[in-house]
Amino acid sequence: MDKKEKVYEVMKASAEPLNATKIAEISGLDKKEVDKAMKKLKEEGLIESPKRCYWIAK
């Protein structure tokens, strides 16, 4: 599983919106890696932001 998939799985498993720091804690990835993965997921339209700096999987 690549980093983008891991970040997406963490977001799908969460019942509430998460920020990059929380995703990094849960996934064990570096925050910079999480930020890069989230940027790709956002470009692909797989995640959305219900409030500033917090994201959920569609």
N, C-alpha and C. Protein backbone atom coordinates (compact mmCIF):
# COMPACT_ATOMS: atom_id res chain seq x y z
N MET A 1 0.85 -1.19 0.00
CA MET A 1 0.00 0.00 0.00
C MET A 1 0.89 1.24 0.00
N ASP A 2 0.64 2.15 -0.93
CA ASP A 2 1.46 3.36 -0.94
C ASP A 2 0.92 4.38 0.07
N LYS A 3 1.63 5.46 0.23
CA LYS A 3 1.29 6.45 1.26
C LYS A 3 -0.06 7.09 1.00
N LYS A 4 -0.35 7.37 -0.25
CA LYS A 4 -1.64 7.99 -0.59
C LYS A 4 -2.79 7.07 -0.19
N GLU A 5 -2.67 5.79 -0.50
CA GLU A 5 -3.71 4.82 -0.13
C GLU A 5 -3.86 4.72 1.37
N LYS A 6 -2.74 4.74 2.08
CA LYS A 6 -2.78 4.63 3.55
C LYS A 6 -3.50 5.84 4.15
N VAL A 7 -3.19 7.02 3.66
CA VAL A 7 -3.85 8.24 4.14
C VAL A 7 -5.35 8.16 3.85
N TYR A 8 -5.71 7.73 2.65
CA TYR A 8 -7.12 7.63 2.27
C TYR A 8 -7.85 6.62 3.15
N GLU A 9 -7.22 5.50 3.45
CA GLU A 9 -7.84 4.48 4.31
C GLU A 9 -8.09 5.03 5.72
N VAL A 10 -7.14 5.78 6.25
CA VAL A 10 -7.31 6.38 7.58
C VAL A 10 -8.49 7.34 7.56
N MET A 11 -8.59 8.13 6.49
CA MET A 11 -9.69 9.10 6.39
C MET A 11 -11.04 8.40 6.24
N LYS A 12 -11.08 7.32 5.46
CA LYS A 12 -12.34 6.59 5.28
C LYS A 12 -12.78 5.94 6.59
N ALA A 13 -11.83 5.50 7.40
CA ALA A 13 -12.15 4.80 8.64
C ALA A 13 -12.62 5.75 9.75
N SER A 14 -12.34 7.04 9.58
CA SER A 14 -12.70 8.01 10.62
C SER A 14 -14.13 8.49 10.46
N ALA A 15 -14.82 8.62 11.58
CA ALA A 15 -16.20 9.11 11.55
C ALA A 15 -16.25 10.64 11.53
N GLU A 16 -15.11 11.27 11.78
CA GLU A 16 -15.09 12.74 11.84
C GLU A 16 -13.96 13.28 10.96
N PRO A 17 -14.03 14.54 10.56
CA PRO A 17 -12.96 15.14 9.75
C PRO A 17 -11.64 15.16 10.52
N LEU A 18 -10.55 14.96 9.80
CA LEU A 18 -9.22 14.93 10.42
C LEU A 18 -8.32 15.97 9.78
N ASN A 19 -7.33 16.44 10.56
CA ASN A 19 -6.32 17.31 9.98
C ASN A 19 -5.07 16.48 9.70
N ALA A 20 -4.12 17.06 9.00
CA ALA A 20 -2.93 16.32 8.58
C ALA A 20 -2.13 15.79 9.77
N THR A 21 -2.07 16.55 10.85
CA THR A 21 -1.32 16.11 12.04
C THR A 21 -1.93 14.84 12.63
N LYS A 22 -3.25 14.81 12.74
CA LYS A 22 -3.94 13.63 13.30
C LYS A 22 -3.77 12.42 12.38
N ILE A 23 -3.87 12.64 11.07
CA ILE A 23 -3.67 11.55 10.12
C ILE A 23 -2.26 10.99 10.24
N ALA A 24 -1.28 11.87 10.41
CA ALA A 24 0.11 11.43 10.57
C ALA A 24 0.26 10.58 11.83
N GLU A 25 -0.38 10.99 12.92
CA GLU A 25 -0.32 10.22 14.17
C GLU A 25 -0.92 8.83 13.99
N ILE A 26 -2.08 8.76 13.37
CA ILE A 26 -2.79 7.49 13.20
C ILE A 26 -2.04 6.56 12.25
N SER A 27 -1.56 7.11 11.14
CA SER A 27 -0.95 6.29 10.09
C SER A 27 0.52 5.95 10.36
N GLY A 28 1.17 6.76 11.20
CA GLY A 28 2.59 6.54 11.46
C GLY A 28 3.49 7.15 10.39
N LEU A 29 2.89 7.90 9.47
CA LEU A 29 3.66 8.55 8.42
C LEU A 29 4.13 9.93 8.89
N ASP A 30 5.13 10.46 8.20
CA ASP A 30 5.61 11.80 8.46
C ASP A 30 4.56 12.80 7.97
N LYS A 31 4.40 13.93 8.66
CA LYS A 31 3.38 14.90 8.29
C LYS A 31 3.59 15.43 6.87
N LYS A 32 4.84 15.60 6.45
CA LYS A 32 5.11 16.08 5.09
C LYS A 32 4.61 15.08 4.06
N GLU A 33 4.77 13.78 4.34
CA GLU A 33 4.27 12.74 3.44
C GLU A 33 2.75 12.77 3.39
N VAL A 34 2.12 13.00 4.53
CA VAL A 34 0.66 13.09 4.60
C VAL A 34 0.18 14.28 3.78
N ASP A 35 0.86 15.42 3.92
CA ASP A 35 0.48 16.62 3.16
C ASP A 35 0.55 16.36 1.65
N LYS A 36 1.60 15.70 1.19
CA LYS A 36 1.75 15.38 -0.23
C LYS A 36 0.63 14.46 -0.70
N ALA A 37 0.34 13.44 0.10
CA ALA A 37 -0.71 12.48 -0.25
C ALA A 37 -2.07 13.16 -0.29
N MET A 38 -2.32 14.05 0.67
CA MET A 38 -3.60 14.76 0.71
C MET A 38 -3.75 15.68 -0.49
N LYS A 39 -2.66 16.28 -0.93
CA LYS A 39 -2.71 17.15 -2.11
C LYS A 39 -3.14 16.34 -3.33
N LYS A 40 -2.58 15.15 -3.49
CA LYS A 40 -2.95 14.29 -4.61
C LYS A 40 -4.41 13.85 -4.50
N LEU A 41 -4.83 13.46 -3.30
CA LEU A 41 -6.22 13.04 -3.10
C LEU A 41 -7.19 14.17 -3.40
N LYS A 42 -6.81 15.40 -3.01
CA LYS A 42 -7.66 16.56 -3.28
C LYS A 42 -7.77 16.81 -4.79
N GLU A 43 -6.64 16.70 -5.50
CA GLU A 43 -6.64 16.88 -6.96
C GLU A 43 -7.52 15.84 -7.66
N GLU A 44 -7.55 14.63 -7.11
CA GLU A 44 -8.34 13.55 -7.69
C GLU A 44 -9.82 13.60 -7.27
N GLY A 45 -10.13 14.53 -6.36
CA GLY A 45 -11.52 14.69 -5.92
C GLY A 45 -11.98 13.63 -4.94
N LEU A 46 -11.05 12.97 -4.26
CA LEU A 46 -11.42 11.90 -3.34
C LEU A 46 -11.67 12.38 -1.91
N ILE A 47 -11.23 13.60 -1.60
CA ILE A 47 -11.43 14.15 -0.26
C ILE A 47 -12.01 15.55 -0.39
N GLU A 48 -12.69 15.98 0.69
CA GLU A 48 -13.23 17.33 0.72
C GLU A 48 -13.08 17.91 2.11
N SER A 49 -13.16 19.23 2.20
CA SER A 49 -12.96 19.92 3.46
C SER A 49 -14.25 20.55 3.96
N PRO A 50 -14.86 19.95 5.01
CA PRO A 50 -16.08 20.53 5.56
C PRO A 50 -15.81 21.79 6.40
N LYS A 51 -14.57 21.90 6.92
CA LYS A 51 -14.16 23.11 7.64
C LYS A 51 -12.66 23.28 7.45
N ARG A 52 -12.20 24.47 7.64
CA ARG A 52 -10.81 24.82 7.34
C ARG A 52 -9.82 23.87 8.01
N CYS A 53 -8.92 23.33 7.19
CA CYS A 53 -7.82 22.45 7.64
C CYS A 53 -8.25 21.06 8.08
N TYR A 54 -9.49 20.73 7.94
CA TYR A 54 -9.98 19.39 8.28
C TYR A 54 -10.57 18.75 7.02
N TRP A 55 -10.32 17.46 6.85
CA TRP A 55 -10.68 16.77 5.62
C TRP A 55 -11.40 15.47 5.90
N ILE A 56 -12.28 15.09 4.97
CA ILE A 56 -12.98 13.81 5.03
C ILE A 56 -12.91 13.14 3.66
N ALA A 57 -13.01 11.82 3.65
CA ALA A 57 -13.07 11.08 2.40
C ALA A 57 -14.49 11.16 1.85
N LYS A 58 -14.60 11.29 0.54
CA LYS A 58 -15.93 11.34 -0.09
C LYS A 58 -16.50 9.94 -0.18
